[in-house]
């Protein structure tokens, strides 16, 4: 075998023994970091409470071409905000790709909970509730923070001790009942006029109600200002 042939065989052998170049893959941590920052940015300028973000792991088998530009993030269509969110992450350079990353959000703050078992129909007092730190991200029915909003409210359903109190569980105590006699107050020029009337529905203080003037039999819209008293704007 001449030297020329030998050199050719050696060069072919070196080529076959050299590992083929493998395209560099995008870092899973970089993808997860982008998804976490997307959710964090939504609460950057709020005083919601203590924010916690947990980004889900990606499948180890997932291999995406490395993105030469900054990763873009976007909200998943049709997904409402809450404890469980999905963030879209994409690369617009090269071959381009996109995927969705699961993110779990927690927001801890002090809210009102029942301090003891309370039966349905009870009128709440200061002894019935207290402030406790809870995760509000998963509270889709809402929550309350201001104790003054509970004073005097009536429970629509029973509460267990330490149960979160939601707006839908409360109703205002009726100051006027349908068919009862009411005093109608009206201001005419600087003069207050009092008339007697009849309530056409139930209502609490601050609510709108229809009342019928006992003299004229005319029905008017009024605002309940106290038990048995309504005010008409003329």
C-alpha atoms as a PDB file:
ATOM      1  CA  UNK A   1       0.000   0.000   0.000  1.00  0.00           C
ATOM      2  CA  UNK A   2       1.537   3.309  -1.045  1.00  0.00           C
ATOM      3  CA  UNK A   3       1.739   6.268   1.288  1.00  0.00           C
ATOM      4  CA  UNK A   4      -0.882   8.257  -0.649  1.00  0.00           C
ATOM      5  CA  UNK A   5      -3.490   5.552  -0.143  1.00  0.00           C
ATOM      6  CA  UNK A   6      -2.546   5.242   3.541  1.00  0.00           C
ATOM      7  CA  UNK A   7      -3.048   8.958   4.145  1.00  0.00           C
ATOM      8  CA  UNK A   8      -6.494   8.798   2.537  1.00  0.00           C
ATOM      9  CA  UNK A   9      -7.569   5.868   4.715  1.00  0.00           C
ATOM     10  CA  UNK A  10      -6.321   7.614   7.862  1.00  0.00           C
ATOM     11  CA  UNK A  11      -8.228  10.794   7.038  1.00  0.00           C
ATOM     12  CA  UNK A  12     -11.463   8.803   6.471  1.00  0.00           C
ATOM     13  CA  UNK A  13     -10.963   6.954   9.745  1.00  0.00           C
ATOM     14  CA  UNK A  14     -10.457  10.171  11.694  1.00  0.00           C
ATOM     15  CA  UNK A  15     -13.682  11.589  10.223  1.00  0.00           C
ATOM     16  CA  UNK A  16     -15.682   8.507  11.220  1.00  0.00           C
ATOM     17  CA  UNK A  17     -14.274   8.540  14.763  1.00  0.00           C
ATOM     18  CA  UNK A  18     -15.049  12.240  15.357  1.00  0.00           C
ATOM     19  CA  UNK A  19     -18.485  12.785  17.114  1.00  0.00           C
ATOM     20  CA  UNK A  20     -21.032  14.616  14.954  1.00  0.00           C
ATOM     21  CA  UNK A  21     -21.743  18.171  16.041  1.00  0.00           C
ATOM     22  CA  UNK A  22     -24.932  18.307  18.113  1.00  0.00           C
ATOM     23  CA  UNK A  23     -27.083  21.463  17.995  1.00  0.00           C
ATOM     24  CA  UNK A  24     -27.066  23.245  21.374  1.00  0.00           C
ATOM     25  CA  UNK A  25     -30.357  22.921  23.290  1.00  0.00           C
ATOM     26  CA  UNK A  26     -32.197  25.696  25.103  1.00  0.00           C
ATOM     27  CA  UNK A  27     -31.765  25.615  28.877  1.00  0.00           C
ATOM     28  CA  UNK A  28     -34.847  24.444  30.761  1.00  0.00           C
ATOM     29  CA  UNK A  29     -33.905  26.777  33.611  1.00  0.00           C
ATOM     30  CA  UNK A  30     -33.896  29.769  31.255  1.00  0.00           C
ATOM     31  CA  UNK A  31     -37.391  28.844  30.046  1.00  0.00           C
ATOM     32  CA  UNK A  32     -38.675  28.385  33.605  1.00  0.00           C
ATOM     33  CA  UNK A  33     -37.091  31.664  34.713  1.00  0.00           C
ATOM     34  CA  UNK A  34     -38.851  33.542  31.888  1.00  0.00           C
ATOM     35  CA  UNK A  35     -42.226  32.051  32.881  1.00  0.00           C
ATOM     36  CA  UNK A  36     -41.706  32.987  36.541  1.00  0.00           C
ATOM     37  CA  UNK A  37     -40.770  36.577  35.704  1.00  0.00           C
ATOM     38  CA  UNK A  38     -43.887  36.898  33.542  1.00  0.00           C
ATOM     39  CA  UNK A  39     -46.167  36.105  36.508  1.00  0.00           C
ATOM     40  CA  UNK A  40     -44.098  38.179  38.925  1.00  0.00           C
ATOM     41  CA  UNK A  41     -44.434  41.240  36.661  1.00  0.00           C
ATOM     42  CA  UNK A  42     -48.234  41.139  37.017  1.00  0.00           C
ATOM     43  CA  UNK A  43     -47.948  41.873  40.756  1.00  0.00           C
ATOM     44  CA  UNK A  44     -44.887  44.130  40.778  1.00  0.00           C
ATOM     45  CA  UNK A  45     -46.784  47.347  41.487  1.00  0.00           C
ATOM     46  CA  UNK A  46     -49.498  45.954  43.754  1.00  0.00           C
ATOM     47  CA  UNK A  47     -49.825  45.531  47.502  1.00  0.00           C
ATOM     48  CA  UNK A  48     -51.664  42.231  47.238  1.00  0.00           C
ATOM     49  CA  UNK A  49     -49.595  40.509  49.923  1.00  0.00           C
ATOM     50  CA  UNK A  50     -46.694  38.067  50.096  1.00  0.00           C
ATOM     51  CA  UNK A  51     -46.233  36.726  46.577  1.00  0.00           C
ATOM     52  CA  UNK A  52     -44.923  33.198  46.019  1.00  0.00           C
ATOM     53  CA  UNK A  53     -44.242  31.716  42.557  1.00  0.00           C
ATOM     54  CA  UNK A  54     -43.477  28.063  41.867  1.00  0.00           C
ATOM     55  CA  UNK A  55     -42.655  27.189  38.254  1.00  0.00           C
ATOM     56  CA  UNK A  56     -43.311  23.606  37.159  1.00  0.00           C
ATOM     57  CA  UNK A  57     -40.575  21.318  35.860  1.00  0.00           C
ATOM     58  CA  UNK A  58     -40.268  20.557  32.158  1.00  0.00           C
ATOM     59  CA  UNK A  59     -40.009  17.043  30.714  1.00  0.00           C
ATOM     60  CA  UNK A  60     -36.353  15.995  30.727  1.00  0.00           C
ATOM     61  CA  UNK A  61     -36.731  14.598  27.222  1.00  0.00           C
ATOM     62  CA  UNK A  62     -37.706  18.017  25.859  1.00  0.00           C
ATOM     63  CA  UNK A  63     -34.967  19.380  23.561  1.00  0.00           C
ATOM     64  CA  UNK A  64     -35.493  22.740  21.902  1.00  0.00           C
ATOM     65  CA  UNK A  65     -32.963  24.634  19.747  1.00  0.00           C
ATOM     66  CA  UNK A  66     -31.154  27.315  21.733  1.00  0.00           C
ATOM     67  CA  UNK A  67     -32.740  30.722  21.188  1.00  0.00           C
ATOM     68  CA  UNK A  68     -30.331  33.399  19.972  1.00  0.00           C
ATOM     69  CA  UNK A  69     -32.567  36.196  21.260  1.00  0.00           C
ATOM     70  CA  UNK A  70     -34.385  36.929  24.510  1.00  0.00           C
ATOM     71  CA  UNK A  71     -37.263  34.550  25.224  1.00  0.00           C
ATOM     72  CA  UNK A  72     -40.746  36.023  24.838  1.00  0.00           C
ATOM     73  CA  UNK A  73     -43.614  35.264  27.217  1.00  0.00           C
ATOM     74  CA  UNK A  74     -47.376  35.604  26.810  1.00  0.00           C
ATOM     75  CA  UNK A  75     -50.544  34.809  28.716  1.00  0.00           C
ATOM     76  CA  UNK A  76     -52.247  31.558  27.839  1.00  0.00           C
ATOM     77  CA  UNK A  77     -55.515  32.229  25.977  1.00  0.00           C
ATOM     78  CA  UNK A  78     -58.658  31.475  27.943  1.00  0.00           C
ATOM     79  CA  UNK A  79     -56.834  30.988  31.242  1.00  0.00           C
ATOM     80  CA  UNK A  80     -58.029  33.168  34.096  1.00  0.00           C
ATOM     81  CA  UNK A  81     -55.771  34.361  36.864  1.00  0.00           C
ATOM     82  CA  UNK A  82     -55.628  32.194  39.937  1.00  0.00           C
ATOM     83  CA  UNK A  83     -53.438  29.813  41.874  1.00  0.00           C
ATOM     84  CA  UNK A  84     -52.780  27.631  38.826  1.00  0.00           C
ATOM     85  CA  UNK A  85     -51.618  29.534  35.762  1.00  0.00           C
ATOM     86  CA  UNK A  86     -50.085  28.653  32.409  1.00  0.00           C
ATOM     87  CA  UNK A  87     -47.513  30.943  30.780  1.00  0.00           C
ATOM     88  CA  UNK A  88     -46.526  30.724  27.131  1.00  0.00           C
ATOM     89  CA  UNK A  89     -42.800  30.963  26.320  1.00  0.00           C
ATOM     90  CA  UNK A  90     -41.548  31.276  22.741  1.00  0.00           C
ATOM     91  CA  UNK A  91     -38.454  31.883  20.630  1.00  0.00           C
ATOM     92  CA  UNK A  92     -38.853  34.003  17.510  1.00  0.00           C
ATOM     93  CA  UNK A  93     -35.349  33.459  16.089  1.00  0.00           C
ATOM     94  CA  UNK A  94     -33.997  30.568  14.022  1.00  0.00           C
ATOM     95  CA  UNK A  95     -36.434  27.687  13.669  1.00  0.00           C
ATOM     96  CA  UNK A  96     -38.675  29.242  16.310  1.00  0.00           C
ATOM     97  CA  UNK A  97     -40.696  27.351  18.903  1.00  0.00           C
ATOM     98  CA  UNK A  98     -43.217  27.873  21.681  1.00  0.00           C
ATOM     99  CA  UNK A  99     -44.466  25.923  24.679  1.00  0.00           C
ATOM    100  CA  UNK A 100     -46.613  26.376  27.799  1.00  0.00           C
ATOM    101  CA  UNK A 101     -45.182  26.275  31.298  1.00  0.00           C
ATOM    102  CA  UNK A 102     -47.330  25.579  34.405  1.00  0.00           C
ATOM    103  CA  UNK A 103     -46.905  28.078  37.250  1.00  0.00           C
ATOM    104  CA  UNK A 104     -48.413  27.958  40.732  1.00  0.00           C
ATOM    105  CA  UNK A 105     -49.048  31.298  42.427  1.00  0.00           C
ATOM    106  CA  UNK A 106     -49.643  31.999  46.108  1.00  0.00           C
ATOM    107  CA  UNK A 107     -50.626  35.356  47.627  1.00  0.00           C
ATOM    108  CA  UNK A 108     -50.672  35.425  51.407  1.00  0.00           C
ATOM    109  CA  UNK A 109     -52.405  38.220  53.297  1.00  0.00           C
ATOM    110  CA  UNK A 110     -54.582  38.739  56.359  1.00  0.00           C
ATOM    111  CA  UNK A 111     -58.285  38.244  55.703  1.00  0.00           C
ATOM    112  CA  UNK A 112     -61.399  37.686  57.810  1.00  0.00           C
ATOM    113  CA  UNK A 113     -62.317  34.177  58.974  1.00  0.00           C
ATOM    114  CA  UNK A 114     -64.930  32.862  61.384  1.00  0.00           C
ATOM    115  CA  UNK A 115     -63.586  32.683  64.946  1.00  0.00           C
ATOM    116  CA  UNK A 116     -66.130  29.994  65.872  1.00  0.00           C
ATOM    117  CA  UNK A 117     -69.051  28.045  64.464  1.00  0.00           C
ATOM    118  CA  UNK A 118     -71.864  30.408  63.509  1.00  0.00           C
ATOM    119  CA  UNK A 119     -75.358  29.309  62.561  1.00  0.00           C
ATOM    120  CA  UNK A 120     -77.306  30.432  59.505  1.00  0.00           C
ATOM    121  CA  UNK A 121     -79.343  33.618  60.040  1.00  0.00           C
ATOM    122  CA  UNK A 122     -77.048  34.934  62.795  1.00  0.00           C
ATOM    123  CA  UNK A 123     -76.243  38.636  62.939  1.00  0.00           C
ATOM    124  CA  UNK A 124     -72.471  39.010  63.074  1.00  0.00           C
ATOM    125  CA  UNK A 125     -70.689  40.771  65.912  1.00  0.00           C
ATOM    126  CA  UNK A 126     -66.998  41.511  66.519  1.00  0.00           C
ATOM    127  CA  UNK A 127     -66.656  38.242  68.470  1.00  0.00           C
ATOM    128  CA  UNK A 128     -67.598  36.168  65.420  1.00  0.00           C
ATOM    129  CA  UNK A 129     -64.595  36.900  63.191  1.00  0.00           C
ATOM    130  CA  UNK A 130     -60.858  37.542  63.236  1.00  0.00           C
ATOM    131  CA  UNK A 131     -58.006  38.328  60.832  1.00  0.00           C
ATOM    132  CA  UNK A 132     -55.764  35.448  59.769  1.00  0.00           C
ATOM    133  CA  UNK A 133     -53.127  35.086  57.049  1.00  0.00           C
ATOM    134  CA  UNK A 134     -54.367  32.931  54.164  1.00  0.00           C
ATOM    135  CA  UNK A 135     -53.501  32.212  50.530  1.00  0.00           C
ATOM    136  CA  UNK A 136     -56.028  34.276  48.555  1.00  0.00           C
ATOM    137  CA  UNK A 137     -54.905  33.172  45.072  1.00  0.00           C
ATOM    138  CA  UNK A 138     -57.241  30.166  45.184  1.00  0.00           C
ATOM    139  CA  UNK A 139     -60.211  31.995  46.749  1.00  0.00           C
ATOM    140  CA  UNK A 140     -62.379  32.354  43.637  1.00  0.00           C
ATOM    141  CA  UNK A 141     -65.453  33.347  45.670  1.00  0.00           C
ATOM    142  CA  UNK A 142     -63.669  36.368  47.135  1.00  0.00           C
ATOM    143  CA  UNK A 143     -62.751  37.393  50.663  1.00  0.00           C
ATOM    144  CA  UNK A 144     -63.062  40.338  53.073  1.00  0.00           C
ATOM    145  CA  UNK A 145     -60.430  42.401  54.894  1.00  0.00           C
ATOM    146  CA  UNK A 146     -62.382  45.244  56.533  1.00  0.00           C
ATOM    147  CA  UNK A 147     -64.099  44.215  59.806  1.00  0.00           C
ATOM    148  CA  UNK A 148     -66.553  47.097  59.493  1.00  0.00           C
ATOM    149  CA  UNK A 149     -68.129  45.395  56.466  1.00  0.00           C
ATOM    150  CA  UNK A 150     -69.205  42.461  58.637  1.00  0.00           C
ATOM    151  CA  UNK A 151     -70.723  44.251  61.609  1.00  0.00           C
ATOM    152  CA  UNK A 152     -74.491  43.754  61.615  1.00  0.00           C
ATOM    153  CA  UNK A 153     -74.524  41.522  58.520  1.00  0.00           C
ATOM    154  CA  UNK A 154     -76.670  38.380  58.485  1.00  0.00           C
ATOM    155  CA  UNK A 155     -75.308  34.956  57.482  1.00  0.00           C
ATOM    156  CA  UNK A 156     -77.012  33.245  54.557  1.00  0.00           C
ATOM    157  CA  UNK A 157     -75.458  29.902  55.550  1.00  0.00           C
ATOM    158  CA  UNK A 158     -73.662  28.426  58.557  1.00  0.00           C
ATOM    159  CA  UNK A 159     -69.902  28.883  59.008  1.00  0.00           C
ATOM    160  CA  UNK A 160     -67.324  26.568  60.559  1.00  0.00           C
ATOM    161  CA  UNK A 161     -64.580  27.839  62.846  1.00  0.00           C
ATOM    162  CA  UNK A 162     -61.627  29.245  60.829  1.00  0.00           C
ATOM    163  CA  UNK A 163     -63.664  29.249  57.610  1.00  0.00           C
ATOM    164  CA  UNK A 164     -62.967  32.138  55.216  1.00  0.00           C
ATOM    165  CA  UNK A 165     -65.855  34.618  55.090  1.00  0.00           C
ATOM    166  CA  UNK A 166     -66.872  35.586  51.547  1.00  0.00           C
ATOM    167  CA  UNK A 167     -69.155  38.425  50.347  1.00  0.00           C
ATOM    168  CA  UNK A 168     -71.683  35.917  48.986  1.00  0.00           C
ATOM    169  CA  UNK A 169     -72.266  34.464  52.463  1.00  0.00           C
ATOM    170  CA  UNK A 170     -73.592  37.762  53.825  1.00  0.00           C
ATOM    171  CA  UNK A 171     -76.732  39.789  53.521  1.00  0.00           C
ATOM    172  CA  UNK A 172     -77.735  43.058  55.105  1.00  0.00           C
ATOM    173  CA  UNK A 173     -80.380  42.980  57.827  1.00  0.00           C
ATOM    174  CA  UNK A 174     -83.657  44.235  56.420  1.00  0.00           C
ATOM    175  CA  UNK A 175     -84.550  47.665  57.732  1.00  0.00           C
ATOM    176  CA  UNK A 176     -87.888  47.616  55.902  1.00  0.00           C
ATOM    177  CA  UNK A 177     -90.199  44.750  55.006  1.00  0.00           C
ATOM    178  CA  UNK A 178     -92.690  44.598  52.160  1.00  0.00           C
ATOM    179  CA  UNK A 179     -96.134  45.888  53.091  1.00  0.00           C
ATOM    180  CA  UNK A 180     -94.944  47.767  56.172  1.00  0.00           C
ATOM    181  CA  UNK A 181     -95.705  51.415  56.706  1.00  0.00           C
ATOM    182  CA  UNK A 182     -92.767  53.790  56.114  1.00  0.00           C
ATOM    183  CA  UNK A 183     -92.048  57.470  56.494  1.00  0.00           C
ATOM    184  CA  UNK A 184     -91.128  59.125  53.183  1.00  0.00           C
ATOM    185  CA  UNK A 185     -88.780  62.118  53.439  1.00  0.00           C
ATOM    186  CA  UNK A 186     -88.576  64.589  50.575  1.00  0.00           C
ATOM    187  CA  UNK A 187     -86.776  67.905  50.207  1.00  0.00           C
ATOM    188  CA  UNK A 188     -88.623  70.596  48.308  1.00  0.00           C
ATOM    189  CA  UNK A 189     -86.671  73.805  47.963  1.00  0.00           C
ATOM    190  CA  UNK A 190     -84.959  73.652  51.460  1.00  0.00           C
ATOM    191  CA  UNK A 191     -88.103  72.390  53.144  1.00  0.00           C
ATOM    192  CA  UNK A 192     -88.343  68.807  54.372  1.00  0.00           C
ATOM    193  CA  UNK A 193     -91.665  67.146  53.732  1.00  0.00           C
ATOM    194  CA  UNK A 194     -92.780  63.983  55.529  1.00  0.00           C
ATOM    195  CA  UNK A 195     -95.355  61.647  54.055  1.00  0.00           C
ATOM    196  CA  UNK A 196     -96.642  58.238  54.905  1.00  0.00           C
ATOM    197  CA  UNK A 197     -96.242  55.365  52.534  1.00  0.00           C
ATOM    198  CA  UNK A 198     -96.091  51.611  52.104  1.00  0.00           C
ATOM    199  CA  UNK A 199     -93.024  49.548  51.203  1.00  0.00           C
ATOM    200  CA  UNK A 200     -93.451  47.478  48.040  1.00  0.00           C
ATOM    201  CA  UNK A 201     -90.419  45.225  48.785  1.00  0.00           C
ATOM    202  CA  UNK A 202     -87.867  44.357  51.452  1.00  0.00           C
ATOM    203  CA  UNK A 203     -84.721  46.495  51.698  1.00  0.00           C
ATOM    204  CA  UNK A 204     -81.719  47.214  53.900  1.00  0.00           C
ATOM    205  CA  UNK A 205     -80.218  50.587  54.813  1.00  0.00           C
ATOM    206  CA  UNK A 206     -78.594  52.126  51.738  1.00  0.00           C
ATOM    207  CA  UNK A 207     -80.603  50.087  49.241  1.00  0.00           C
ATOM    208  CA  UNK A 208     -83.106  51.361  46.709  1.00  0.00           C
ATOM    209  CA  UNK A 209     -86.769  50.511  47.234  1.00  0.00           C
ATOM    210  CA  UNK A 210     -90.135  51.277  45.678  1.00  0.00           C
ATOM    211  CA  UNK A 211     -92.696  52.832  48.009  1.00  0.00           C
ATOM    212  CA  UNK A 212     -96.277  53.913  47.502  1.00  0.00           C
ATOM    213  CA  UNK A 213     -97.457  57.278  48.760  1.00  0.00           C
ATOM    214  CA  UNK A 214    -100.492  56.581  50.985  1.00  0.00           C
ATOM    215  CA  UNK A 215    -102.258  59.793  49.904  1.00  0.00           C
ATOM    216  CA  UNK A 216    -101.622  59.918  46.157  1.00  0.00           C
ATOM    217  CA  UNK A 217    -101.180  56.142  45.665  1.00  0.00           C
ATOM    218  CA  UNK A 218     -98.217  57.029  43.437  1.00  0.00           C
ATOM    219  CA  UNK A 219     -95.190  54.705  43.509  1.00  0.00           C
ATOM    220  CA  UNK A 220     -91.718  56.264  43.694  1.00  0.00           C
ATOM    221  CA  UNK A 221     -88.079  55.119  44.000  1.00  0.00           C
ATOM    222  CA  UNK A 222     -86.531  55.886  47.381  1.00  0.00           C
ATOM    223  CA  UNK A 223     -83.393  55.131  49.395  1.00  0.00           C
ATOM    224  CA  UNK A 224     -83.618  53.488  52.800  1.00  0.00           C
ATOM    225  CA  UNK A 225     -81.842  55.776  55.296  1.00  0.00           C
ATOM    226  CA  UNK A 226     -82.930  54.104  58.546  1.00  0.00           C
ATOM    227  CA  UNK A 227     -85.349  51.417  59.739  1.00  0.00           C
ATOM    228  CA  UNK A 228     -88.822  52.484  58.547  1.00  0.00           C
ATOM    229  CA  UNK A 229     -87.547  55.688  56.881  1.00  0.00           C
ATOM    230  CA  UNK A 230     -86.867  56.312  53.171  1.00  0.00           C
ATOM    231  CA  UNK A 231     -85.738  59.394  51.307  1.00  0.00           C
ATOM    232  CA  UNK A 232     -86.916  60.530  47.878  1.00  0.00           C
ATOM    233  CA  UNK A 233     -84.839  62.794  45.622  1.00  0.00           C
ATOM    234  CA  UNK A 234     -87.045  65.455  44.023  1.00  0.00           C
END
